[in-house]
Amino acid sequence: MQDKTLNCRDCSREFVFTVGEQEFFAQKGFTNTPSRCPECRAANKASRGGGGYSGGGYSSGYERREREMFPAVCAQCGKDTQVPFQPSGDKPVYCSDCFSSRRSSNGGGYSGGRGGRNSW
């Protein structure tokens, strides 16, 4: 391996992808080279609120997908809500407020008697 000179896709400036960074990428299983310089990577991360895993400041080339949400009706209050799974109809589904209140009233644990799978 040797240092590689790359061009940033945002600012078009050249930056060096060092052997150490390449080894880090390989160790993490990343297959794509970074497409942004360190400054643009930091700015991009800050514009996203700094959330998510960035591989120690290096872009893995993987963009996190938005979680697919499904419509449901809360079994407790009847409010229309969205949940991160496809409701099957055989278990109650709760809005986030009712789910939180049920969870806190159960001492933080789930005791729905449904084999350990939490329902929202």
PDB file of N, CA and C in Angstrom:
ATOM      1  N   MET A   1       0.844  -1.192   0.000  1.00  0.00           N
ATOM      2  CA  MET A   1       0.000   0.000   0.000  1.00  0.00           C
ATOM      3  C   MET A   1       0.881   1.244   0.000  1.00  0.00           C
ATOM      4  N   GLN A   2       0.325   2.299  -0.569  1.00  0.00           N
ATOM      5  CA  GLN A   2       1.001   3.594  -0.543  1.00  0.00           C
ATOM      6  C   GLN A   2      -0.053   4.700  -0.477  1.00  0.00           C
ATOM      7  N   ASP A   3       0.373   5.887  -0.032  1.00  0.00           N
ATOM      8  CA  ASP A   3      -0.551   7.016   0.041  1.00  0.00           C
ATOM      9  C   ASP A   3      -1.197   7.254  -1.319  1.00  0.00           C
ATOM     10  N   LYS A   4      -2.475   7.645  -1.301  1.00  0.00           N
ATOM     11  CA  LYS A   4      -3.191   7.957  -2.538  1.00  0.00           C
ATOM     12  C   LYS A   4      -3.669   9.405  -2.478  1.00  0.00           C
ATOM     13  N   THR A   5      -3.549  10.099  -3.582  1.00  0.00           N
ATOM     14  CA  THR A   5      -4.076  11.453  -3.680  1.00  0.00           C
ATOM     15  C   THR A   5      -5.457  11.369  -4.323  1.00  0.00           C
ATOM     16  N   LEU A   6      -6.463  11.899  -3.617  1.00  0.00           N
ATOM     17  CA  LEU A   6      -7.852  11.855  -4.077  1.00  0.00           C
ATOM     18  C   LEU A   6      -8.387  13.269  -4.223  1.00  0.00           C
ATOM     19  N   ASN A   7      -9.467  13.432  -4.956  1.00  0.00           N
ATOM     20  CA  ASN A   7     -10.137  14.720  -5.102  1.00  0.00           C
ATOM     21  C   ASN A   7     -11.454  14.694  -4.341  1.00  0.00           C
ATOM     22  N   CYS A   8     -11.689  15.733  -3.558  1.00  0.00           N
ATOM     23  CA  CYS A   8     -12.912  15.854  -2.775  1.00  0.00           C
ATOM     24  C   CYS A   8     -14.096  16.121  -3.704  1.00  0.00           C
ATOM     25  N   ARG A   9     -15.189  15.383  -3.485  1.00  0.00           N
ATOM     26  CA  ARG A   9     -16.362  15.565  -4.343  1.00  0.00           C
ATOM     27  C   ARG A   9     -17.104  16.868  -4.038  1.00  0.00           C
ATOM     28  N   ASP A  10     -16.880  17.451  -2.859  1.00  0.00           N
ATOM     29  CA  ASP A  10     -17.568  18.695  -2.498  1.00  0.00           C
ATOM     30  C   ASP A  10     -16.786  19.938  -2.904  1.00  0.00           C
ATOM     31  N   CYS A  11     -15.509  20.000  -2.518  1.00  0.00           N
ATOM     32  CA  CYS A  11     -14.724  21.212  -2.774  1.00  0.00           C
ATOM     33  C   CYS A  11     -13.717  21.042  -3.909  1.00  0.00           C
ATOM     34  N   SER A  12     -13.586  19.855  -4.453  1.00  0.00           N
ATOM     35  CA  SER A  12     -12.672  19.522  -5.555  1.00  0.00           C
ATOM     36  C   SER A  12     -11.195  19.644  -5.189  1.00  0.00           C
ATOM     37  N   ARG A  13     -10.895  19.869  -3.933  1.00  0.00           N
ATOM     38  CA  ARG A  13      -9.508  19.993  -3.489  1.00  0.00           C
ATOM     39  C   ARG A  13      -8.886  18.603  -3.347  1.00  0.00           C
ATOM     40  N   GLU A  14      -7.600  18.483  -3.627  1.00  0.00           N
ATOM     41  CA  GLU A  14      -6.903  17.219  -3.434  1.00  0.00           C
ATOM     42  C   GLU A  14      -6.637  16.997  -1.955  1.00  0.00           C
ATOM     43  N   PHE A  15      -6.700  15.707  -1.548  1.00  0.00           N
ATOM     44  CA  PHE A  15      -6.314  15.334  -0.195  1.00  0.00           C
ATOM     45  C   PHE A  15      -5.663  13.968  -0.253  1.00  0.00           C
ATOM     46  N   VAL A  16      -4.874  13.646   0.772  1.00  0.00           N
ATOM     47  CA  VAL A  16      -4.120  12.397   0.786  1.00  0.00           C
ATOM     48  C   VAL A  16      -4.859  11.373   1.637  1.00  0.00           C
ATOM     49  N   PHE A  17      -5.068  10.202   1.058  1.00  0.00           N
ATOM     50  CA  PHE A  17      -5.620   9.042   1.748  1.00  0.00           C
ATOM     51  C   PHE A  17      -4.410   8.199   2.148  1.00  0.00           C
ATOM     52  N   THR A  18      -3.973   8.360   3.399  1.00  0.00           N
ATOM     53  CA  THR A  18      -2.704   7.784   3.840  1.00  0.00           C
ATOM     54  C   THR A  18      -2.777   6.259   3.978  1.00  0.00           C
ATOM     55  N   VAL A  19      -1.619   5.651   4.043  1.00  0.00           N
ATOM     56  CA  VAL A  19      -1.532   4.206   4.248  1.00  0.00           C
ATOM     57  C   VAL A  19      -2.227   3.837   5.565  1.00  0.00           C
ATOM     58  N   GLY A  20      -2.010   4.645   6.602  1.00  0.00           N
ATOM     59  CA  GLY A  20      -2.650   4.378   7.893  1.00  0.00           C
ATOM     60  C   GLY A  20      -4.168   4.403   7.793  1.00  0.00           C
ATOM     61  N   GLU A  21      -4.701   5.372   7.053  1.00  0.00           N
ATOM     62  CA  GLU A  21      -6.149   5.441   6.855  1.00  0.00           C
ATOM     63  C   GLU A  21      -6.640   4.249   6.037  1.00  0.00           C
ATOM     64  N   GLN A  22      -5.872   3.863   5.034  1.00  0.00           N
ATOM     65  CA  GLN A  22      -6.243   2.702   4.216  1.00  0.00           C
ATOM     66  C   GLN A  22      -6.273   1.436   5.066  1.00  0.00           C
ATOM     67  N   GLU A  23      -5.296   1.286   5.952  1.00  0.00           N
ATOM     68  CA  GLU A  23      -5.268   0.120   6.840  1.00  0.00           C
ATOM     69  C   GLU A  23      -6.466   0.132   7.778  1.00  0.00           C
ATOM     70  N   PHE A  24      -6.801   1.329   8.290  1.00  0.00           N
ATOM     71  CA  PHE A  24      -7.976   1.464   9.162  1.00  0.00           C
ATOM     72  C   PHE A  24      -9.236   1.055   8.408  1.00  0.00           C
ATOM     73  N   PHE A  25      -9.399   1.553   7.184  1.00  0.00           N
ATOM     74  CA  PHE A  25     -10.565   1.205   6.361  1.00  0.00           C
ATOM     75  C   PHE A  25     -10.639  -0.303   6.146  1.00  0.00           C
ATOM     76  N   ALA A  26      -9.501  -0.920   5.825  1.00  0.00           N
ATOM     77  CA  ALA A  26      -9.468  -2.364   5.582  1.00  0.00           C
ATOM     78  C   ALA A  26      -9.834  -3.128   6.847  1.00  0.00           C
ATOM     79  N   GLN A  27      -9.327  -2.680   7.996  1.00  0.00           N
ATOM     80  CA  GLN A  27      -9.622  -3.337   9.271  1.00  0.00           C
ATOM     81  C   GLN A  27     -11.111  -3.278   9.588  1.00  0.00           C
ATOM     82  N   LYS A  28     -11.756  -2.168   9.260  1.00  0.00           N
ATOM     83  CA  LYS A  28     -13.183  -1.993   9.513  1.00  0.00           C
ATOM     84  C   LYS A  28     -14.056  -2.646   8.440  1.00  0.00           C
ATOM     85  N   GLY A  29     -13.433  -3.134   7.381  1.00  0.00           N
ATOM     86  CA  GLY A  29     -14.193  -3.772   6.311  1.00  0.00           C
ATOM     87  C   GLY A  29     -14.778  -2.799   5.305  1.00  0.00           C
ATOM     88  N   PHE A  30     -14.335  -1.548   5.340  1.00  0.00           N
ATOM     89  CA  PHE A  30     -14.825  -0.551   4.388  1.00  0.00           C
ATOM     90  C   PHE A  30     -14.193  -0.818   3.026  1.00  0.00           C
ATOM     91  N   THR A  31     -14.994  -0.812   2.000  1.00  0.00           N
ATOM     92  CA  THR A  31     -14.480  -1.100   0.657  1.00  0.00           C
ATOM     93  C   THR A  31     -14.356   0.144  -0.208  1.00  0.00           C
ATOM     94  N   ASN A  32     -15.030   1.218   0.162  1.00  0.00           N
ATOM     95  CA  ASN A  32     -14.971   2.458  -0.617  1.00  0.00           C
ATOM     96  C   ASN A  32     -13.913   3.393  -0.057  1.00  0.00           C
ATOM     97  N   THR A  33     -13.260   4.121  -0.947  1.00  0.00           N
ATOM     98  CA  THR A  33     -12.336   5.153  -0.502  1.00  0.00           C
ATOM     99  C   THR A  33     -13.145   6.388  -0.133  1.00  0.00           C
ATOM    100  N   PRO A  34     -12.605   7.256   0.731  1.00  0.00           N
ATOM    101  CA  PRO A  34     -13.362   8.458   1.087  1.00  0.00           C
ATOM    102  C   PRO A  34     -13.561   9.352  -0.129  1.00  0.00           C
ATOM    103  N   SER A  35     -14.720   9.963  -0.216  1.00  0.00           N
ATOM    104  CA  SER A  35     -15.002  10.838  -1.356  1.00  0.00           C
ATOM    105  C   SER A  35     -14.911  12.308  -0.962  1.00  0.00           C
ATOM    106  N   ARG A  36     -14.742  12.584   0.335  1.00  0.00           N
ATOM    107  CA  ARG A  36     -14.614  13.964   0.813  1.00  0.00           C
ATOM    108  C   ARG A  36     -13.312  14.128   1.584  1.00  0.00           C
ATOM    109  N   CYS A  37     -12.751  15.336   1.508  1.00  0.00           N
ATOM    110  CA  CYS A  37     -11.559  15.662   2.298  1.00  0.00           C
ATOM    111  C   CYS A  37     -11.968  15.717   3.774  1.00  0.00           C
ATOM    112  N   PRO A  38     -11.004  15.662   4.694  1.00  0.00           N
ATOM    113  CA  PRO A  38     -11.352  15.683   6.121  1.00  0.00           C
ATOM    114  C   PRO A  38     -12.207  16.886   6.525  1.00  0.00           C
ATOM    115  N   GLU A  39     -11.939  18.058   5.937  1.00  0.00           N
ATOM    116  CA  GLU A  39     -12.709  19.249   6.289  1.00  0.00           C
ATOM    117  C   GLU A  39     -14.171  19.120   5.839  1.00  0.00           C
ATOM    118  N   CYS A  40     -14.366  18.645   4.612  1.00  0.00           N
ATOM    119  CA  CYS A  40     -15.737  18.486   4.106  1.00  0.00           C
ATOM    120  C   CYS A  40     -16.468  17.349   4.819  1.00  0.00           C
ATOM    121  N   ARG A  41     -15.727  16.287   5.209  1.00  0.00           N
ATOM    122  CA  ARG A  41     -16.349  15.206   5.997  1.00  0.00           C
ATOM    123  C   ARG A  41     -16.863  15.761   7.310  1.00  0.00           C
ATOM    124  N   ALA A  42     -16.039  16.595   7.980  1.00  0.00           N
ATOM    125  CA  ALA A  42     -16.440  17.182   9.261  1.00  0.00           C
ATOM    126  C   ALA A  42     -17.641  18.105   9.075  1.00  0.00           C
ATOM    127  N   ALA A  43     -17.635  18.909   8.017  1.00  0.00           N
ATOM    128  CA  ALA A  43     -18.759  19.820   7.756  1.00  0.00           C
ATOM    129  C   ALA A  43     -20.023  19.036   7.450  1.00  0.00           C
ATOM    130  N   ASN A  44     -19.904  17.950   6.679  1.00  0.00           N
ATOM    131  CA  ASN A  44     -21.061  17.113   6.351  1.00  0.00           C
ATOM    132  C   ASN A  44     -21.623  16.474   7.610  1.00  0.00           C
ATOM    133  N   LYS A  45     -20.760  15.962   8.457  1.00  0.00           N
ATOM    134  CA  LYS A  45     -21.193  15.348   9.707  1.00  0.00           C
ATOM    135  C   LYS A  45     -21.899  16.380  10.593  1.00  0.00           C
ATOM    136  N   ALA A  46     -21.341  17.579  10.690  1.00  0.00           N
ATOM    137  CA  ALA A  46     -21.945  18.633  11.508  1.00  0.00           C
ATOM    138  C   ALA A  46     -23.312  19.035  10.964  1.00  0.00           C
ATOM    139  N   SER A  47     -23.461  19.061   9.639  1.00  0.00           N
ATOM    140  CA  SER A  47     -24.747  19.449   9.050  1.00  0.00           C
ATOM    141  C   SER A  47     -25.820  18.396   9.298  1.00  0.00           C
ATOM    142  N   ARG A  48     -25.404  17.154   9.564  1.00  0.00           N
ATOM    143  CA  ARG A  48     -26.349  16.080   9.883  1.00  0.00           C
ATOM    144  C   ARG A  48     -26.596  15.992  11.379  1.00  0.00           C
ATOM    145  N   GLY A  49     -26.050  16.916  12.131  1.00  0.00           N
ATOM    146  CA  GLY A  49     -26.242  16.896  13.578  1.00  0.00           C
ATOM    147  C   GLY A  49     -25.201  16.069  14.298  1.00  0.00           C
ATOM    148  N   GLY A  50     -24.192  15.598  13.587  1.00  0.00           N
ATOM    149  CA  GLY A  50     -23.118  14.850  14.229  1.00  0.00           C
ATOM    150  C   GLY A  50     -23.517  13.453  14.635  1.00  0.00           C
ATOM    151  N   GLY A  51     -24.704  13.003  14.253  1.00  0.00           N
ATOM    152  CA  GLY A  51     -25.172  11.692  14.672  1.00  0.00           C
ATOM    153  C   GLY A  51     -24.655  10.587  13.789  1.00  0.00           C
ATOM    154  N   GLY A  52     -24.805   9.384  14.267  1.00  0.00           N
ATOM    155  CA  GLY A  52     -24.442   8.216  13.481  1.00  0.00           C
ATOM    156  C   GLY A  52     -22.972   7.898  13.580  1.00  0.00           C
ATOM    157  N   TYR A  53     -22.613   6.710  13.178  1.00  0.00           N
ATOM    158  CA  TYR A  53     -21.239   6.255  13.202  1.00  0.00           C
ATOM    159  C   TYR A  53     -20.528   6.699  11.944  1.00  0.00           C
ATOM    160  N   SER A  54     -19.381   7.295  12.121  1.00  0.00           N
ATOM    161  CA  SER A  54     -18.651   7.779  10.950  1.00  0.00           C
ATOM    162  C   SER A  54     -17.312   7.098  10.789  1.00  0.00           C
ATOM    163  N   GLY A  55     -17.064   6.039  11.564  1.00  0.00           N
ATOM    164  CA  GLY A  55     -15.793   5.327  11.410  1.00  0.00           C
ATOM    165  C   GLY A  55     -14.606   6.149  11.860  1.00  0.00           C
ATOM    166  N   GLY A  56     -14.734   6.876  12.971  1.00  0.00           N
ATOM    167  CA  GLY A  56     -13.625   7.661  13.475  1.00  0.00           C
ATOM    168  C   GLY A  56     -13.341   8.887  12.639  1.00  0.00           C
ATOM    169  N   GLY A  57     -14.346   9.424  11.967  1.00  0.00           N
ATOM    170  CA  GLY A  57     -14.159  10.618  11.165  1.00  0.00           C
ATOM    171  C   GLY A  57     -13.962  10.328   9.693  1.00  0.00           C
ATOM    172  N   TYR A  58     -13.941   9.056   9.322  1.00  0.00           N
ATOM    173  CA  TYR A  58     -13.746   8.700   7.925  1.00  0.00           C
ATOM    174  C   TYR A  58     -15.058   8.188   7.368  1.00  0.00           C
ATOM    175  N   SER A  59     -15.432   8.655   6.212  1.00  0.00           N
ATOM    176  CA  SER A  59     -16.664   8.203   5.572  1.00  0.00           C
ATOM    177  C   SER A  59     -16.473   6.801   5.039  1.00  0.00           C
ATOM    178  N   SER A  60     -17.414   5.919   5.340  1.00  0.00           N
ATOM    179  CA  SER A  60     -17.321   4.544   4.865  1.00  0.00           C
ATOM    180  C   SER A  60     -17.934   4.383   3.487  1.00  0.00           C
ATOM    181  N   GLY A  61     -18.572   5.438   2.990  1.00  0.00           N
ATOM    182  CA  GLY A  61     -19.278   5.311   1.733  1.00  0.00           C
ATOM    183  C   GLY A  61     -20.678   4.760   1.922  1.00  0.00           C
ATOM    184  N   TYR A  62     -21.034   4.429   3.147  1.00  0.00           N
ATOM    185  CA  TYR A  62     -22.349   3.889   3.455  1.00  0.00           C
ATOM    186  C   TYR A  62     -23.220   5.001   3.990  1.00  0.00           C
ATOM    187  N   GLU A  63     -24.347   5.205   3.384  1.00  0.00           N
ATOM    188  CA  GLU A  63     -25.291   6.206   3.874  1.00  0.00           C
ATOM    189  C   GLU A  63     -26.416   5.483   4.583  1.00  0.00           C
ATOM    190  N   ARG A  64     -26.737   5.925   5.766  1.00  0.00           N
ATOM    191  CA  ARG A  64     -27.809   5.301   6.534  1.00  0.00           C
ATOM    192  C   ARG A  64     -29.148   5.611   5.885  1.00  0.00           C
ATOM    193  N   ARG A  65     -29.949   4.581   5.667  1.00  0.00           N
ATOM    194  CA  ARG A  65     -31.284   4.758   5.111  1.00  0.00           C
ATOM    195  C   ARG A  65     -32.221   5.276   6.193  1.00  0.00           C
ATOM    196  N   GLU A  66     -33.190   6.043   5.755  1.00  0.00           N
ATOM    197  CA  GLU A  66     -34.250   6.426   6.669  1.00  0.00           C
ATOM    198  C   GLU A  66     -35.024   5.167   7.029  1.00  0.00           C
ATOM    199  N   ARG A  67     -35.407   5.046   8.298  1.00  0.00           N
ATOM    200  CA  ARG A  67     -36.164   3.883   8.736  1.00  0.00           C
ATOM    201  C   ARG A  67     -37.566   3.948   8.146  1.00  0.00           C
ATOM    202  N   GLU A  68     -38.014   2.844   7.586  1.00  0.00           N
ATOM    203  CA  GLU A  68     -39.358   2.791   7.034  1.00  0.00           C
ATOM    204  C   GLU A  68     -40.351   2.712   8.193  1.00  0.00           C
ATOM    205  N   MET A  69     -41.359   3.559   8.135  1.00  0.00           N
ATOM    206  CA  MET A  69     -42.377   3.588   9.183  1.00  0.00           C
ATOM    207  C   MET A  69     -43.705   3.116   8.599  1.00  0.00           C
ATOM    208  N   PHE A  70     -44.523   2.525   9.454  1.00  0.00           N
ATOM    209  CA  PHE A  70     -45.802   1.970   9.032  1.00  0.00           C
ATOM    210  C   PHE A  70     -46.927   2.595   9.858  1.00  0.00           C
ATOM    211  N   PRO A  71     -48.074   2.853   9.235  1.00  0.00           N
ATOM    212  CA  PRO A  71     -49.204   3.426   9.974  1.00  0.00           C
ATOM    213  C   PRO A  71     -49.833   2.392  10.901  1.00  0.00           C
ATOM    214  N   ALA A  72     -50.314   2.860  12.041  1.00  0.00           N
ATOM    215  CA  ALA A  72     -50.979   1.997  13.012  1.00  0.00           C
ATOM    216  C   ALA A  72     -51.917   2.849  13.854  1.00  0.00           C
ATOM    217  N   VAL A  73     -52.788   2.184  14.598  1.00  0.00           N
ATOM    218  CA  VAL A  73     -53.682   2.844  15.544  1.00  0.00           C
ATOM    219  C   VAL A  73     -53.324   2.322  16.925  1.00  0.00           C
ATOM    220  N   CYS A  74     -53.073   3.235  17.864  1.00  0.00           N
ATOM    221  CA  CYS A  74     -52.685   2.868  19.217  1.00  0.00           C
ATOM    222  C   CYS A  74     -53.804   2.064  19.888  1.00  0.00           C
ATOM    223  N   ALA A  75     -53.450   0.912  20.460  1.00  0.00           N
ATOM    224  CA  ALA A  75     -54.419   0.037  21.126  1.00  0.00           C
ATOM    225  C   ALA A  75     -54.917   0.629  22.441  1.00  0.00           C
ATOM    226  N   GLN A  76     -54.198   1.606  22.993  1.00  0.00           N
ATOM    227  CA  GLN A  76     -54.595   2.182  24.279  1.00  0.00           C
ATOM    228  C   GLN A  76     -55.418   3.452  24.109  1.00  0.00           C
ATOM    229  N   CYS A  77     -54.941   4.405  23.292  1.00  0.00           N
ATOM    230  CA  CYS A  77     -55.621   5.705  23.193  1.00  0.00           C
ATOM    231  C   CYS A  77     -56.359   5.901  21.871  1.00  0.00           C
ATOM    232  N   GLY A  78     -56.130   5.019  20.888  1.00  0.00           N
ATOM    233  CA  GLY A  78     -56.823   5.117  19.614  1.00  0.00           C
ATOM    234  C   GLY A  78     -56.244   6.126  18.638  1.00  0.00           C
ATOM    235  N   LYS A  79     -55.123   6.736  18.988  1.00  0.00           N
ATOM    236  CA  LYS A  79     -54.498   7.746  18.146  1.00  0.00           C
ATOM    237  C   LYS A  79     -53.783   7.094  16.954  1.00  0.00           C
ATOM    238  N   ASP A  80     -53.864   7.746  15.778  1.00  0.00           N
ATOM    239  CA  ASP A  80     -53.082   7.306  14.630  1.00  0.00           C
ATOM    240  C   ASP A  80     -51.617   7.547  14.939  1.00  0.00           C
ATOM    241  N   THR A  81     -50.774   6.582  14.599  1.00  0.00           N
ATOM    242  CA  THR A  81     -49.349   6.683  14.894  1.00  0.00           C
ATOM    243  C   THR A  81     -48.550   6.008  13.791  1.00  0.00           C
ATOM    244  N   GLN A  82     -47.238   6.090  13.897  1.00  0.00           N
ATOM    245  CA  GLN A  82     -46.318   5.432  12.971  1.00  0.00           C
ATOM    246  C   GLN A  82     -45.388   4.566  13.807  1.00  0.00           C
ATOM    247  N   VAL A  83     -45.127   3.345  13.335  1.00  0.00           N
ATOM    248  CA  VAL A  83     -44.241   2.425  14.047  1.00  0.00           C
ATOM    249  C   VAL A  83     -43.187   1.889  13.083  1.00  0.00           C
ATOM    250  N   PRO A  84     -42.007   1.489  13.614  1.00  0.00           N
ATOM    251  CA  PRO A  84     -40.909   1.046  12.745  1.00  0.00           C
ATOM    252  C   PRO A  84     -40.983  -0.432  12.349  1.00  0.00           C
ATOM    253  N   PHE A  85     -42.171  -1.010  12.354  1.00  0.00           N
ATOM    254  CA  PHE A  85     -42.352  -2.397  11.936  1.00  0.00           C
ATOM    255  C   PHE A  85     -43.737  -2.534  11.335  1.00  0.00           C
ATOM    256  N   GLN A  86     -43.944  -3.576  10.565  1.00  0.00           N
ATOM    257  CA  GLN A  86     -45.250  -3.828   9.948  1.00  0.00           C
ATOM    258  C   GLN A  86     -46.127  -4.520  10.985  1.00  0.00           C
ATOM    259  N   PRO A  87     -47.173  -3.843  11.486  1.00  0.00           N
ATOM    260  CA  PRO A  87     -48.045  -4.491  12.472  1.00  0.00           C
ATOM    261  C   PRO A  87     -48.701  -5.733  11.862  1.00  0.00           C
ATOM    262  N   SER A  88     -48.706  -6.819  12.627  1.00  0.00           N
ATOM    263  CA  SER A  88     -49.269  -8.075  12.121  1.00  0.00           C
ATOM    264  C   SER A  88     -50.744  -8.215  12.459  1.00  0.00           C
ATOM    265  N   GLY A  89     -51.236  -7.417  13.417  1.00  0.00           N
ATOM    266  CA  GLY A  89     -52.637  -7.484  13.798  1.00  0.00           C
ATOM    267  C   GLY A  89     -52.914  -8.426  14.957  1.00  0.00           C
ATOM    268  N   ASP A  90     -51.950  -9.281  15.323  1.00  0.00           N
ATOM    269  CA  ASP A  90     -52.194 -10.215  16.413  1.00  0.00           C
ATOM    270  C   ASP A  90     -51.663  -9.720  17.759  1.00  0.00           C
ATOM    271  N   LYS A  91     -50.994  -8.580  17.773  1.00  0.00           N
ATOM    272  CA  LYS A  91     -50.469  -8.004  19.013  1.00  0.00           C
ATOM    273  C   LYS A  91     -50.855  -6.540  19.074  1.00  0.00           C
ATOM    274  N   PRO A  92     -51.055  -6.009  20.274  1.00  0.00           N
ATOM    275  CA  PRO A  92     -51.389  -4.584  20.380  1.00  0.00           C
ATOM    276  C   PRO A  92     -50.205  -3.714  19.977  1.00  0.00           C
ATOM    277  N   VAL A  93     -50.513  -2.580  19.386  1.00  0.00           N
ATOM    278  CA  VAL A  93     -49.508  -1.606  18.970  1.00  0.00           C
ATOM    279  C   VAL A  93     -49.819  -0.319  19.715  1.00  0.00           C
ATOM    280  N   TYR A  94     -48.779   0.346  20.239  1.00  0.00           N
ATOM    281  CA  TYR A  94     -48.962   1.556  21.035  1.00  0.00           C
ATOM    282  C   TYR A  94     -48.227   2.735  20.408  1.00  0.00           C
ATOM    283  N   CYS A  95     -48.796   3.934  20.554  1.00  0.00           N
ATOM    284  CA  CYS A  95     -48.080   5.152  20.167  1.00  0.00           C
ATOM    285  C   CYS A  95     -46.911   5.326  21.140  1.00  0.00           C
ATOM    286  N   SER A  96     -45.989   6.199  20.823  1.00  0.00           N
ATOM    287  CA  SER A  96     -44.804   6.348  21.668  1.00  0.00           C
ATOM    288  C   SER A  96     -45.153   6.804  23.083  1.00  0.00           C
ATOM    289  N   ASP A  97     -46.176   7.678  23.229  1.00  0.00           N
ATOM    290  CA  ASP A  97     -46.561   8.138  24.564  1.00  0.00           C
ATOM    291  C   ASP A  97     -47.106   6.991  25.408  1.00  0.00           C
ATOM    292  N   CYS A  98     -48.022   6.213  24.840  1.00  0.00           N
ATOM    293  CA  CYS A  98     -48.612   5.096  25.590  1.00  0.00           C
ATOM    294  C   CYS A  98     -47.580   4.005  25.847  1.00  0.00           C
ATOM    295  N   PHE A  99     -46.715   3.756  24.873  1.00  0.00           N
ATOM    296  CA  PHE A  99     -45.660   2.756  25.064  1.00  0.00           C
ATOM    297  C   PHE A  99     -44.758   3.169  26.225  1.00  0.00           C
ATOM    298  N   SER A 100     -44.371   4.458  26.257  1.00  0.00           N
ATOM    299  CA  SER A 100     -43.508   4.957  27.332  1.00  0.00           C
ATOM    300  C   SER A 100     -44.195   4.866  28.683  1.00  0.00           C
ATOM    301  N   SER A 101     -45.485   5.235  28.740  1.00  0.00           N
ATOM    302  CA  SER A 101     -46.185   5.185  30.027  1.00  0.00           C
ATOM    303  C   SER A 101     -46.364   3.738  30.495  1.00  0.00           C
ATOM    304  N   ARG A 102     -46.634   2.814  29.587  1.00  0.00           N
ATOM    305  CA  ARG A 102     -46.751   1.406  29.948  1.00  0.00           C
ATOM    306  C   ARG A 102     -45.412   0.871  30.438  1.00  0.00           C
ATOM    307  N   ARG A 103     -44.357   1.278  29.766  1.00  0.00           N
ATOM    308  CA  ARG A 103     -43.026   0.808  30.128  1.00  0.00           C
ATOM    309  C   ARG A 103     -42.629   1.318  31.509  1.00  0.00           C
ATOM    310  N   SER A 104     -42.869   2.613  31.778  1.00  0.00           N
ATOM    311  CA  SER A 104     -42.490   3.167  33.083  1.00  0.00           C
ATOM    312  C   SER A 104     -43.364   2.610  34.200  1.00  0.00           C
ATOM    313  N   SER A 105     -44.633   2.300  33.917  1.00  0.00           N
ATOM    314  CA  SER A 105     -45.498   1.736  34.954  1.00  0.00           C
ATOM    315  C   SER A 105     -45.149   0.283  35.255  1.00  0.00           C
ATOM    316  N   ASN A 106     -44.395  -0.361  34.370  1.00  0.00           N
ATOM    317  CA  ASN A 106     -43.950  -1.733  34.583  1.00  0.00           C
ATOM    318  C   ASN A 106     -42.542  -1.774  35.168  1.00  0.00           C
ATOM    319  N   GLY A 107     -42.083  -0.676  35.708  1.00  0.00           N
ATOM    320  CA  GLY A 107     -40.761  -0.634  36.317  1.00  0.00           C
ATOM    321  C   GLY A 107     -39.624  -0.656  35.318  1.00  0.00           C
ATOM    322  N   GLY A 108     -39.883  -0.231  34.093  1.00  0.00           N
ATOM    323  CA  GLY A 108     -38.825  -0.159  33.101  1.00  0.00           C
ATOM    324  C   GLY A 108     -38.714  -1.402  32.250  1.00  0.00           C
ATOM    325  N   GLY A 109     -39.320  -2.490  32.677  1.00  0.00           N
ATOM    326  CA  GLY A 109     -39.252  -3.721  31.895  1.00  0.00           C
ATOM    327  C   GLY A 109     -40.546  -3.957  31.158  1.00  0.00           C
ATOM    328  N   TYR A 110     -40.519  -4.797  30.193  1.00  0.00           N
ATOM    329  CA  TYR A 110     -41.716  -5.127  29.432  1.00  0.00           C
ATOM    330  C   TYR A 110     -42.312  -6.390  30.015  1.00  0.00           C
ATOM    331  N   SER A 111     -43.592  -6.347  30.338  1.00  0.00           N
ATOM    332  CA  SER A 111     -44.230  -7.531  30.887  1.00  0.00           C
ATOM    333  C   SER A 111     -45.506  -7.839  30.141  1.00  0.00           C
ATOM    334  N   GLY A 112     -45.440  -7.759  28.834  1.00  0.00           N
ATOM    335  CA  GLY A 112     -46.604  -7.997  28.008  1.00  0.00           C
ATOM    336  C   GLY A 112     -46.927  -9.473  27.831  1.00  0.00           C
ATOM    337  N   GLY A 113     -46.089 -10.366  28.310  1.00  0.00           N
ATOM    338  CA  GLY A 113     -46.360 -11.786  28.223  1.00  0.00           C
ATOM    339  C   GLY A 113     -46.392 -12.297  26.789  1.00  0.00           C
ATOM    340  N   ARG A 114     -45.625 -11.707  25.923  1.00  0.00           N
ATOM    341  CA  ARG A 114     -45.666 -12.067  24.511  1.00  0.00           C
ATOM    342  C   ARG A 114     -44.333 -12.663  24.056  1.00  0.00           C
ATOM    343  N   GLY A 115     -43.654 -13.327  24.922  1.00  0.00           N
ATOM    344  CA  GLY A 115     -42.434 -14.010  24.511  1.00  0.00           C
ATOM    345  C   GLY A 115     -41.236 -13.106  24.265  1.00  0.00           C
ATOM    346  N   GLY A 116     -41.230 -11.930  24.856  1.00  0.00           N
ATOM    347  CA  GLY A 116     -40.062 -11.072  24.790  1.00  0.00           C
ATOM    348  C   GLY A 116     -40.026 -10.103  23.635  1.00  0.00           C
ATOM    349  N   ARG A 117     -40.926 -10.183  22.672  1.00  0.00           N
ATOM    350  CA  ARG A 117     -40.915  -9.214  21.574  1.00  0.00           C
ATOM    351  C   ARG A 117     -41.744  -8.012  21.967  1.00  0.00           C
ATOM    352  N   ASN A 118     -41.105  -6.867  22.031  1.00  0.00           N
ATOM    353  CA  ASN A 118     -41.796  -5.637  22.423  1.00  0.00           C
ATOM    354  C   ASN A 118     -42.735  -5.171  21.330  1.00  0.00           C
ATOM    355  N   SER A 119     -43.897  -4.696  21.722  1.00  0.00           N
ATOM    356  CA  SER A 119     -44.832  -4.068  20.793  1.00  0.00           C
ATOM    357  C   SER A 119     -44.862  -2.582  21.074  1.00  0.00           C
ATOM    358  N   TRP A 120     -44.905  -1.801  20.032  1.00  0.00           N
ATOM    359  CA  TRP A 120     -45.000  -0.349  20.194  1.00  0.00           C
ATOM    360  C   TRP A 120     -46.421   0.033  20.166  1.00  0.00           C
TER     361      TRP A 120
END
